[in-house]
Amino acid sequence: MTFNEVIGQDECKERLLQMVSEDRLPHAIMLCGPAGIGKLALATAFGCQLLSQGGTAGAAMLRNLAHPDLHFTYPTIKLTSMGSDHKPVSDDFAREWHSLITTQGLYFSMDQWLAAIGAENQQAIITAGESDDLVRKLSLKSSQGGYKVSIIWLPERMNQECANKLLKLIEEPPRQTVFLMVCEEPDLLLETIRSRVQRIDVKRLPASVIEQELVARRGIDPVQAQRIARLAGGSWLRALQELQAGTENEQFLDLFILLMRQAYKRDVKGMKAWADNMTAFGREKQKRFLSYFLHMMRESFMYNFKRPELSYMTQQEEDFARNFARFINEDNILAINDLINRAIRDIGQNANAKIVFFDLALQMTVLLIQR
């Protein structure tokens, strides 16, 4: 894995390399930013750069992302086959992780990872067993005599016990060990951890970069590439998802339209059935739908300003917004935004999904008439 494989992010690449050239590399770096913009790819490419002094054998291992001094940590689940006392660790899912990053590349979603490990309705976390395993791995001498690199994907998913143990490890790091954290919600991390890492905020990709890379790497027609780049919202992952036929967003649009029509008609029976249907999704997919809900509300609100350059909708979404947008205005957009964000929070905290979605539906019947 090299920096050439990372989409855009030239500023971050230069900053990381400058740390090395100026001999001021911190022992812990946290790359922060929204999903899909290349943080994991950046961390992995930089980790490979630090480990690239191992000759031909080392280079081959890095190409396969199987170097013994490159350690990945990621959220896991507890399988029914595991003993009651076993705390899941990344090594339990090493085969699935390696398969995903070598077939999908380093741009993938939590949903894709959960599907790869058969998580169904479980929420993946990083357990205390993982921090114990890291202590053991990083206490060993480097196999190549250089750095040891620990890449932690989504450290905000650590439980409290794991976070406390990792804090101690960061405070007293093993010799020549570099921690590279890839974080989407840094505010969920312990303040003591945040204060001991060097934070680098990774920006969304410019639409021009996504458009250029779609043409160069995927052979996409320039006109289609331009449309996809605008819809991607700075995320290469979203751009890849837009390329796939029958994406999840089409299903989400149907569900959104159904709810808006039921809410407008105050069809309580229909809304209850809709909420029941939503419970069939796993927690992560439910949160993805709610994020899509936010997207459609924002775009419907912006549609009222008659500024096409501010619109980021597909043709199907725009067809619906043409008549629906007038119901989303200054009087209700903030309340709707708060309502959806509360639902996202509640789902993330394992609230009863049927109650959360039925309450959302009922509240929308009131908010849609505030005009």
Protein backbone atom coordinates (compact mmCIF):
# COMPACT_ATOMS: atom_id res chain seq x y z
CA MET A 1 0.00 0.00 0.00
CA THR A 2 1.46 3.33 -1.07
CA PHE A 3 0.30 6.93 -1.02
CA ASN A 4 -0.35 6.67 -4.78
CA GLU A 5 -3.30 4.42 -3.94
CA VAL A 6 -4.89 7.04 -1.68
CA ILE A 7 -7.48 9.20 -3.42
CA GLY A 8 -6.47 12.86 -3.09
CA GLN A 9 -5.57 14.12 0.41
CA ASP A 10 -2.25 15.53 -0.79
CA GLU A 11 -2.06 18.00 2.08
CA CYS A 12 -2.29 15.22 4.68
CA LYS A 13 0.21 13.07 2.81
CA GLU A 14 2.73 15.91 2.79
CA ARG A 15 2.19 16.66 6.46
CA LEU A 16 2.77 13.05 7.49
CA LEU A 17 5.90 12.71 5.38
CA GLN A 18 7.21 16.02 6.69
CA MET A 19 6.98 14.71 10.25
CA VAL A 20 9.29 11.87 9.29
CA SER A 21 11.75 13.99 7.30
CA GLU A 22 12.04 16.49 10.13
CA ASP A 23 12.44 13.72 12.71
CA ARG A 24 9.48 14.86 14.78
CA LEU A 25 7.15 11.91 14.38
CA PRO A 26 4.79 11.65 17.39
CA HIS A 27 4.13 8.22 18.85
CA ALA A 28 0.34 8.64 18.46
CA ILE A 29 -1.55 10.31 15.59
CA MET A 30 -5.32 10.51 15.19
CA LEU A 31 -6.78 11.08 11.72
CA CYS A 32 -10.27 12.56 12.12
CA GLY A 33 -13.02 13.15 9.61
CA PRO A 34 -16.24 11.78 8.12
CA ALA A 35 -16.54 8.27 6.70
CA GLY A 36 -15.37 7.41 3.22
CA ILE A 37 -12.81 10.17 2.65
CA GLY A 38 -9.69 8.01 2.93
CA LYS A 39 -8.53 8.11 6.56
CA LEU A 40 -7.92 4.37 6.80
CA ALA A 41 -6.15 4.38 3.44
CA LEU A 42 -3.95 7.28 4.60
CA ALA A 43 -3.09 5.57 7.88
CA THR A 44 -2.27 2.29 6.14
CA ALA A 45 -0.16 3.92 3.43
CA PHE A 46 1.74 5.90 6.06
CA GLY A 47 2.22 2.79 8.19
CA CYS A 48 3.61 0.96 5.17
CA GLN A 49 5.92 3.91 4.50
CA LEU A 50 7.33 3.64 8.03
CA LEU A 51 7.86 -0.10 7.60
CA SER A 52 9.30 0.07 4.08
CA GLN A 53 12.92 -0.49 5.10
CA GLY A 54 12.65 -4.27 5.24
CA GLY A 55 14.07 -5.13 1.80
CA THR A 56 12.38 -7.31 -0.83
CA ALA A 57 10.71 -9.65 1.66
CA GLY A 58 9.32 -6.72 3.64
CA ALA A 59 8.04 -5.02 0.48
CA ALA A 60 6.14 -8.15 -0.55
CA MET A 61 4.52 -8.42 2.88
CA LEU A 62 3.50 -4.76 2.77
CA ARG A 63 1.93 -5.16 -0.67
CA ASN A 64 -0.23 -7.91 0.82
CA LEU A 65 -0.81 -5.92 4.04
CA ALA A 66 0.53 -8.91 5.96
CA HIS A 67 3.66 -7.42 7.53
CA PRO A 68 4.32 -8.80 11.06
CA ASP A 69 4.97 -5.29 12.41
CA LEU A 70 1.73 -3.85 10.97
CA HIS A 71 -1.11 -4.44 13.44
CA PHE A 72 -4.76 -3.65 12.71
CA THR A 73 -7.34 -3.13 15.46
CA TYR A 74 -11.04 -2.85 14.60
CA PRO A 75 -14.50 -3.30 16.16
CA THR A 76 -15.63 -6.90 16.62
CA ILE A 77 -18.63 -8.86 17.84
CA LYS A 78 -19.11 -11.87 20.08
CA LEU A 79 -19.97 -15.00 18.13
CA THR A 80 -22.15 -17.72 19.63
CA SER A 81 -19.25 -20.13 19.17
CA MET A 82 -17.07 -18.12 21.57
CA GLY A 83 -16.82 -19.09 25.22
CA SER A 84 -18.63 -17.03 27.84
CA ASP A 85 -15.36 -15.69 29.25
CA HIS A 86 -13.82 -14.85 25.88
CA LYS A 87 -13.41 -11.18 25.03
CA PRO A 88 -13.42 -10.87 21.22
CA VAL A 89 -10.26 -9.47 19.65
CA SER A 90 -9.32 -8.44 16.13
CA ASP A 91 -7.33 -11.63 15.55
CA ASP A 92 -10.61 -13.58 15.85
CA PHE A 93 -11.67 -11.93 12.58
CA ALA A 94 -8.28 -11.51 10.90
CA ARG A 95 -9.27 -13.65 7.92
CA GLU A 96 -12.43 -11.60 7.27
CA TRP A 97 -10.54 -8.31 7.71
CA HIS A 98 -7.76 -9.28 5.33
CA SER A 99 -10.28 -10.53 2.78
CA LEU A 100 -12.21 -7.24 2.94
CA ILE A 101 -9.24 -4.91 2.64
CA THR A 102 -7.69 -6.89 -0.20
CA THR A 103 -10.90 -7.29 -2.22
CA GLN A 104 -12.75 -4.04 -1.42
CA GLY A 105 -9.69 -1.90 -0.79
CA LEU A 106 -9.43 0.46 2.18
CA TYR A 107 -12.62 2.38 1.40
CA PHE A 108 -15.53 0.54 3.01
CA SER A 109 -18.33 1.20 5.46
CA MET A 110 -19.12 -0.20 8.88
CA ASP A 111 -22.09 -1.94 7.26
CA GLN A 112 -19.76 -3.75 4.88
CA TRP A 113 -17.54 -4.82 7.76
CA LEU A 114 -20.51 -6.06 9.79
CA ALA A 115 -21.74 -8.04 6.79
CA ALA A 116 -18.27 -9.57 6.38
CA ILE A 117 -18.29 -10.89 9.96
CA GLY A 118 -21.95 -11.92 9.99
CA ALA A 119 -22.91 -9.41 12.67
CA GLU A 120 -26.63 -9.29 11.85
CA ASN A 121 -28.16 -7.00 14.50
CA GLN A 122 -25.11 -6.74 16.76
CA GLN A 123 -23.14 -3.54 17.24
CA ALA A 124 -19.40 -3.97 16.93
CA ILE A 125 -17.10 -2.68 19.67
CA ILE A 126 -13.44 -2.87 20.66
CA THR A 127 -13.17 -4.86 23.88
CA ALA A 128 -10.72 -4.85 26.78
CA GLY A 129 -9.36 -8.10 25.38
CA GLU A 130 -8.07 -6.10 22.41
CA SER A 131 -5.97 -3.77 24.56
CA ASP A 132 -4.49 -6.78 26.37
CA ASP A 133 -3.66 -8.31 23.00
CA LEU A 134 -2.05 -5.06 21.81
CA VAL A 135 0.14 -4.92 24.92
CA ARG A 136 1.34 -8.44 24.17
CA LYS A 137 1.99 -7.81 20.47
CA LEU A 138 3.71 -4.46 20.86
CA SER A 139 5.95 -5.67 23.68
CA LEU A 140 7.66 -8.00 21.20
CA LYS A 141 10.74 -6.87 19.34
CA SER A 142 10.21 -5.58 15.81
CA SER A 143 10.71 -8.39 13.31
CA GLN A 144 12.54 -6.07 10.91
CA GLY A 145 14.39 -4.02 13.50
CA GLY A 146 12.42 -0.83 12.79
CA TYR A 147 9.03 0.57 13.69
CA LYS A 148 5.97 -1.28 14.94
CA VAL A 149 2.76 0.29 13.64
CA SER A 150 -0.63 -0.08 15.33
CA ILE A 151 -3.58 1.10 13.20
CA ILE A 152 -6.78 1.45 15.23
CA TRP A 153 -9.92 1.81 13.11
CA LEU A 154 -12.75 3.63 14.93
CA PRO A 155 -11.23 3.92 18.44
CA GLU A 156 -14.44 5.68 19.54
CA ARG A 157 -16.00 2.20 19.60
CA MET A 158 -13.76 1.09 22.47
CA ASN A 159 -15.57 0.18 25.66
CA GLN A 160 -14.53 1.95 28.86
CA GLU A 161 -12.20 -0.78 30.08
CA CYS A 162 -10.41 -0.95 26.75
CA ALA A 163 -10.08 2.84 26.55
CA ASN A 164 -8.50 3.02 30.00
CA LYS A 165 -5.99 0.30 29.15
CA LEU A 166 -5.15 1.88 25.80
CA LEU A 167 -4.58 5.21 27.55
CA LYS A 168 -1.88 3.61 29.71
CA LEU A 169 -0.30 2.05 26.62
CA ILE A 170 -0.21 5.42 24.85
CA GLU A 171 1.24 7.11 27.92
CA GLU A 172 4.04 4.54 28.09
CA PRO A 173 4.43 3.34 24.49
CA PRO A 174 6.79 0.48 23.65
CA ARG A 175 9.97 1.52 21.89
CA GLN A 176 9.63 2.58 18.22
CA THR A 177 5.88 2.06 18.25
CA VAL A 178 3.57 4.39 16.34
CA PHE A 179 -0.19 4.44 16.93
CA LEU A 180 -2.33 5.61 13.99
CA MET A 181 -5.96 6.08 14.98
CA VAL A 182 -8.70 6.47 12.38
CA CYS A 183 -11.61 8.29 14.01
CA GLU A 184 -15.01 9.55 12.86
CA GLU A 185 -16.42 10.76 16.20
CA PRO A 186 -13.47 11.98 18.31
CA ASP A 187 -15.75 13.55 20.92
CA LEU A 188 -16.73 10.03 22.02
CA LEU A 189 -13.14 9.27 23.03
CA LEU A 190 -11.76 9.89 26.50
CA GLU A 191 -10.42 13.43 26.78
CA THR A 192 -7.22 11.97 28.27
CA ILE A 193 -6.67 9.96 25.08
CA ARG A 194 -7.42 12.92 22.82
CA SER A 195 -4.93 15.05 24.72
CA ARG A 196 -2.14 12.52 24.19
CA VAL A 197 -2.39 12.16 20.42
CA GLN A 198 -1.60 14.55 17.59
CA ARG A 199 -4.86 15.19 15.79
CA ILE A 200 -4.98 15.70 12.03
CA ASP A 201 -8.32 16.67 10.54
CA VAL A 202 -8.83 15.06 7.15
CA LYS A 203 -11.06 17.06 4.83
CA ARG A 204 -13.74 15.91 2.45
CA LEU A 205 -12.47 15.38 -1.07
CA PRO A 206 -13.16 18.15 -3.60
CA ALA A 207 -15.69 17.12 -6.23
CA SER A 208 -13.07 17.84 -8.90
CA VAL A 209 -10.72 15.23 -7.39
CA ILE A 210 -13.45 12.59 -7.22
CA GLU A 211 -14.51 13.36 -10.78
CA GLN A 212 -10.92 13.09 -12.04
CA GLU A 213 -10.28 9.82 -10.21
CA LEU A 214 -13.53 8.26 -11.42
CA VAL A 215 -12.44 8.89 -15.00
CA ALA A 216 -8.81 7.83 -14.45
CA ARG A 217 -9.29 4.80 -12.18
CA ARG A 218 -12.75 3.57 -13.15
CA GLY A 219 -13.03 4.65 -16.77
CA ILE A 220 -16.29 6.47 -16.10
CA ASP A 221 -17.73 8.80 -18.73
CA PRO A 222 -16.82 12.41 -17.76
CA VAL A 223 -20.45 13.56 -17.68
CA GLN A 224 -21.49 10.70 -15.40
CA ALA A 225 -18.35 11.20 -13.30
CA GLN A 226 -19.29 14.84 -12.74
CA ARG A 227 -22.78 13.91 -11.53
CA ILE A 228 -21.51 11.19 -9.22
CA ALA A 229 -18.81 13.50 -7.84
CA ARG A 230 -21.42 16.08 -6.83
CA LEU A 231 -23.61 13.43 -5.18
CA ALA A 232 -20.64 11.94 -3.32
CA GLY A 233 -20.39 14.89 -0.96
CA GLY A 234 -16.61 14.60 -0.65
CA SER A 235 -16.63 10.83 0.00
CA TRP A 236 -14.87 8.42 -2.33
CA LEU A 237 -16.81 5.59 -0.71
CA ARG A 238 -20.09 7.29 -1.53
CA ALA A 239 -18.90 7.74 -5.10
CA LEU A 240 -18.18 4.00 -5.33
CA GLN A 241 -21.60 3.22 -3.90
CA GLU A 242 -23.26 5.47 -6.47
CA LEU A 243 -21.58 3.42 -9.17
CA GLN A 244 -23.31 0.27 -8.00
CA ALA A 245 -26.67 -0.51 -9.52
CA GLY A 246 -29.56 -0.88 -7.09
CA THR A 247 -27.85 0.84 -4.20
CA GLU A 248 -29.26 0.88 -0.70
CA ASN A 249 -30.28 4.51 -1.16
CA GLU A 250 -32.96 3.49 -3.63
CA GLN A 251 -34.56 1.38 -0.91
CA PHE A 252 -34.16 4.24 1.54
CA LEU A 253 -35.85 6.66 -0.87
CA ASP A 254 -38.87 4.35 -1.17
CA LEU A 255 -39.12 4.11 2.63
CA PHE A 256 -38.76 7.87 3.00
CA ILE A 257 -41.46 8.60 0.43
CA LEU A 258 -43.80 6.07 2.03
CA LEU A 259 -43.41 7.64 5.47
CA MET A 260 -43.85 11.20 4.22
CA ARG A 261 -47.10 10.26 2.47
CA GLN A 262 -48.41 8.40 5.52
CA ALA A 263 -47.44 11.28 7.82
CA TYR A 264 -49.18 13.80 5.56
CA LYS A 265 -52.35 11.69 5.52
CA ARG A 266 -52.02 10.96 9.26
CA ASP A 267 -52.28 7.27 8.49
CA VAL A 268 -51.43 5.97 11.97
CA LYS A 269 -52.02 2.34 11.07
CA GLY A 270 -49.73 2.68 8.04
CA MET A 271 -47.04 4.43 10.11
CA LYS A 272 -47.11 1.65 12.69
CA ALA A 273 -46.63 -0.92 9.93
CA TRP A 274 -43.78 1.20 8.55
CA ALA A 275 -42.10 1.31 11.98
CA ASP A 276 -42.51 -2.46 12.33
CA ASN A 277 -40.84 -2.91 8.95
CA MET A 278 -37.86 -0.78 10.03
CA THR A 279 -37.12 -3.13 12.92
CA ALA A 280 -36.08 -5.80 10.43
CA PHE A 281 -32.94 -3.78 9.68
CA GLY A 282 -29.83 -4.11 11.82
CA ARG A 283 -28.85 -1.17 14.03
CA GLU A 284 -26.18 0.06 11.64
CA LYS A 285 -28.57 0.02 8.68
CA GLN A 286 -31.19 1.83 10.75
CA LYS A 287 -28.66 4.58 11.48
CA ARG A 288 -27.74 4.75 7.80
CA PHE A 289 -31.42 5.22 6.92
CA LEU A 290 -31.75 8.02 9.46
CA SER A 291 -28.67 9.71 7.99
CA TYR A 292 -30.33 9.42 4.58
CA PHE A 293 -33.49 10.91 6.13
CA LEU A 294 -31.41 13.93 7.21
CA HIS A 295 -29.97 14.20 3.72
CA MET A 296 -33.41 14.28 2.12
CA MET A 297 -34.68 16.89 4.56
CA ARG A 298 -31.67 19.12 3.93
CA GLU A 299 -31.97 18.76 0.16
CA SER A 300 -35.72 19.35 0.21
CA PHE A 301 -35.19 22.54 2.21
CA MET A 302 -32.46 23.75 -0.16
CA TYR A 303 -34.64 22.94 -3.19
CA ASN A 304 -36.91 25.82 -2.21
CA PHE A 305 -34.14 28.33 -2.96
CA LYS A 306 -34.14 27.39 -6.67
CA ARG A 307 -30.33 27.14 -6.74
CA PRO A 308 -29.37 23.99 -8.68
CA GLU A 309 -25.71 24.29 -7.66
CA LEU A 310 -26.78 23.77 -4.03
CA SER A 311 -28.73 20.58 -4.78
CA TYR A 312 -27.18 17.15 -4.30
CA MET A 313 -29.99 14.81 -5.29
CA THR A 314 -30.41 12.03 -7.79
CA GLN A 315 -33.04 12.47 -10.48
CA GLN A 316 -35.44 10.20 -8.56
CA GLU A 317 -34.93 12.19 -5.36
CA GLU A 318 -35.48 15.47 -7.17
CA ASP A 319 -38.65 14.16 -8.80
CA PHE A 320 -40.13 13.63 -5.33
CA ALA A 321 -38.72 16.86 -3.85
CA ARG A 322 -40.34 18.91 -6.62
CA ASN A 323 -43.73 18.59 -4.89
CA PHE A 324 -42.59 17.74 -1.38
CA ALA A 325 -40.09 20.56 -0.76
CA ARG A 326 -42.74 23.16 0.04
CA PHE A 327 -43.52 21.29 3.27
CA ILE A 328 -39.96 21.79 4.58
CA ASN A 329 -39.28 25.36 5.59
CA GLU A 330 -37.80 27.73 8.17
CA ASP A 331 -40.56 26.88 10.65
CA ASN A 332 -39.87 23.16 10.87
CA ILE A 333 -36.42 22.28 9.46
CA LEU A 334 -34.56 22.74 12.76
CA ALA A 335 -37.13 20.73 14.72
CA ILE A 336 -37.00 17.96 12.13
CA ASN A 337 -33.20 17.97 12.26
CA ASP A 338 -33.29 17.63 16.07
CA LEU A 339 -35.87 14.87 15.86
CA ILE A 340 -33.80 12.76 13.48
CA ASN A 341 -30.58 13.30 15.42
CA ARG A 342 -32.32 12.14 18.61
CA ALA A 343 -33.48 9.02 16.78
CA ILE A 344 -29.91 8.33 15.63
CA ARG A 345 -28.70 8.73 19.21
CA ASP A 346 -31.44 6.47 20.59
CA ILE A 347 -30.77 3.72 18.05
CA GLY A 348 -27.06 3.94 18.86
CA GLN A 349 -27.92 3.44 22.53
CA ASN A 350 -29.94 0.28 21.79
CA ALA A 351 -33.36 1.82 22.36
CA ASN A 352 -36.38 -0.16 21.17
CA ALA A 353 -36.31 0.46 17.41
CA LYS A 354 -40.06 0.00 16.96
CA ILE A 355 -40.78 2.73 19.51
CA VAL A 356 -38.10 5.06 18.08
CA PHE A 357 -39.38 4.81 14.50
CA PHE A 358 -43.07 4.97 15.41
CA ASP A 359 -42.41 8.09 17.51
CA LEU A 360 -40.47 9.58 14.58
CA ALA A 361 -43.42 8.92 12.28
CA LEU A 362 -45.96 10.44 14.67
CA GLN A 363 -43.84 13.55 15.24
CA MET A 364 -43.57 14.08 11.49
CA THR A 365 -47.36 14.31 11.19
CA VAL A 366 -47.18 17.46 13.34
CA LEU A 367 -44.03 18.97 11.87
CA LEU A 368 -45.13 18.67 8.25
CA ILE A 369 -48.06 21.05 8.79
CA GLN A 370 -45.94 23.82 10.35
CA ARG A 371 -45.93 26.13 7.36
